[in-house]
Amino acid sequence: LGIWSYQQQYQNDGLLSVLGMVGRKFLKMWYLTEGGNLKAEAVLLVCSLLVVPLGLVELWSWLKSGTLAMQLLSITVAYWILIHVLVVPVARYMVPILSILILAACMRVDKMRRHKI
């Protein structure tokens, strides 16, 4: 269903429209709930804003690190993010990935603290 939506969007509105839809789905997958509870979504959004950017930066550094385990973990997380963007952006499916991103964000904060960045 997700890929079909992208095809329809591309045929009707062009590439920029598809890129906008991908961007919206990427952002929504970190806080969107199936129930539509605005309070729960707001809490998830705030938590995600604190964790996801730092976690993604740290995952990028893991990918470039040369350590096989870190590279595999980064690739696995990237795969699941891509699948969720393409199919269905609902936060409950991101729980396993979010725990890895929380760990990565903590490691990034520790690096920043030690290097005074």
Protein backbone atom coordinates (compact mmCIF):
# COMPACT_ATOMS: atom_id res chain seq x y z
CA LEU A 1 0.00 0.00 0.00
CA GLY A 2 2.87 2.41 0.83
CA ILE A 3 4.69 1.88 -2.47
CA TRP A 4 1.41 2.23 -4.38
CA SER A 5 0.79 5.57 -2.65
CA TYR A 6 4.23 6.77 -3.72
CA GLN A 7 3.56 5.73 -7.32
CA GLN A 8 0.23 7.53 -7.37
CA GLN A 9 1.75 10.64 -5.82
CA TYR A 10 4.58 10.62 -8.36
CA GLN A 11 2.23 10.20 -11.32
CA ASN A 12 -0.15 12.90 -10.12
CA ASP A 13 2.18 15.52 -8.64
CA GLY A 14 5.79 14.72 -9.49
CA LEU A 15 9.00 13.95 -7.65
CA LEU A 16 9.00 16.92 -5.24
CA SER A 17 5.61 15.87 -3.95
CA VAL A 18 6.88 12.34 -3.29
CA LEU A 19 9.94 13.70 -1.46
CA GLY A 20 7.65 15.85 0.68
CA MET A 21 5.50 12.84 1.52
CA VAL A 22 8.59 10.79 2.45
CA GLY A 23 9.78 13.63 4.69
CA ARG A 24 6.41 13.91 6.44
CA LYS A 25 6.27 10.14 6.99
CA PHE A 26 9.82 10.15 8.36
CA LEU A 27 8.87 12.80 10.92
CA LYS A 28 5.53 11.24 11.82
CA MET A 29 6.90 7.76 12.45
CA TRP A 30 8.57 8.96 15.65
CA TYR A 31 5.38 10.21 17.35
CA LEU A 32 2.22 9.18 15.45
CA THR A 33 -0.15 6.84 17.29
CA GLU A 34 -2.97 4.81 15.82
CA GLY A 35 -5.46 6.15 18.36
CA GLY A 36 -4.79 9.77 17.47
CA ASN A 37 -4.42 10.79 21.12
CA LEU A 38 -2.91 14.27 20.84
CA LYS A 39 -1.52 14.24 24.38
CA ALA A 40 0.30 10.94 23.82
CA GLU A 41 1.58 12.15 20.46
CA ALA A 42 2.88 15.36 22.02
CA VAL A 43 4.79 13.42 24.71
CA LEU A 44 6.26 11.09 22.07
CA LEU A 45 7.19 14.07 19.90
CA VAL A 46 9.08 15.82 22.70
CA CYS A 47 10.93 12.62 23.66
CA SER A 48 11.77 11.93 20.04
CA LEU A 49 13.06 15.46 19.48
CA LEU A 50 15.48 14.93 22.35
CA VAL A 51 16.67 11.47 21.28
CA VAL A 52 16.35 10.88 17.53
CA PRO A 53 18.67 13.58 16.13
CA LEU A 54 21.50 12.71 18.52
CA GLY A 55 20.96 9.00 17.99
CA LEU A 56 21.04 9.32 14.21
CA VAL A 57 24.27 11.34 14.36
CA GLU A 58 25.86 8.68 16.55
CA LEU A 59 24.63 5.89 14.25
CA TRP A 60 26.29 7.71 11.36
CA SER A 61 29.56 7.77 13.28
CA TRP A 62 29.16 4.05 14.03
CA LEU A 63 28.70 3.40 10.32
CA LYS A 64 31.98 5.18 9.57
CA SER A 65 33.81 3.66 12.56
CA GLY A 66 35.14 0.53 10.89
CA THR A 67 33.84 -1.66 13.73
CA LEU A 68 31.78 -4.44 12.15
CA ALA A 69 29.29 -4.74 15.02
CA MET A 70 28.58 -1.00 15.03
CA GLN A 71 28.25 -0.95 11.24
CA LEU A 72 25.79 -3.86 11.30
CA LEU A 73 23.73 -2.18 13.99
CA SER A 74 23.64 1.07 11.99
CA ILE A 75 22.63 -0.73 8.81
CA THR A 76 19.90 -2.64 10.65
CA VAL A 77 18.43 0.53 12.12
CA ALA A 78 18.61 2.27 8.72
CA TYR A 79 16.82 -0.70 7.13
CA TRP A 80 13.95 -0.55 9.64
CA ILE A 81 13.65 3.22 9.28
CA LEU A 82 13.46 2.84 5.49
CA ILE A 83 10.83 0.10 5.73
CA HIS A 84 8.71 2.22 8.06
CA VAL A 85 8.96 5.27 5.84
CA LEU A 86 7.91 3.23 2.82
CA VAL A 87 5.09 1.29 4.48
CA VAL A 88 3.47 2.69 7.62
CA PRO A 89 4.80 5.45 9.91
CA VAL A 90 3.41 4.50 13.33
CA ALA A 91 5.47 5.00 16.48
CA ARG A 92 4.65 1.65 18.08
CA TYR A 93 6.61 -0.14 15.37
CA MET A 94 9.63 2.03 16.12
CA VAL A 95 10.00 0.86 19.75
CA PRO A 96 12.92 -1.55 19.09
CA ILE A 97 14.70 1.05 16.98
CA LEU A 98 14.05 3.82 19.47
CA SER A 99 15.79 1.87 22.23
CA ILE A 100 18.92 1.61 20.05
CA LEU A 101 18.67 5.32 19.26
CA ILE A 102 18.39 6.12 22.97
CA LEU A 103 21.61 4.19 23.57
CA ALA A 104 23.27 5.96 20.64
CA ALA A 105 22.06 9.37 21.84
CA CYS A 106 23.49 8.68 25.31
CA MET A 107 26.82 7.77 23.77
CA ARG A 108 26.74 10.97 21.66
CA VAL A 109 26.00 13.11 24.72
CA ASP A 110 28.87 11.43 26.59
CA LYS A 111 31.23 12.17 23.66
CA MET A 112 30.04 15.77 23.58
CA ARG A 113 30.54 16.10 27.35
CA ARG A 114 34.07 14.67 27.20
CA HIS A 115 35.10 16.79 24.20
CA LYS A 116 33.18 19.89 25.31
CA ILE A 117 31.37 20.12 21.93
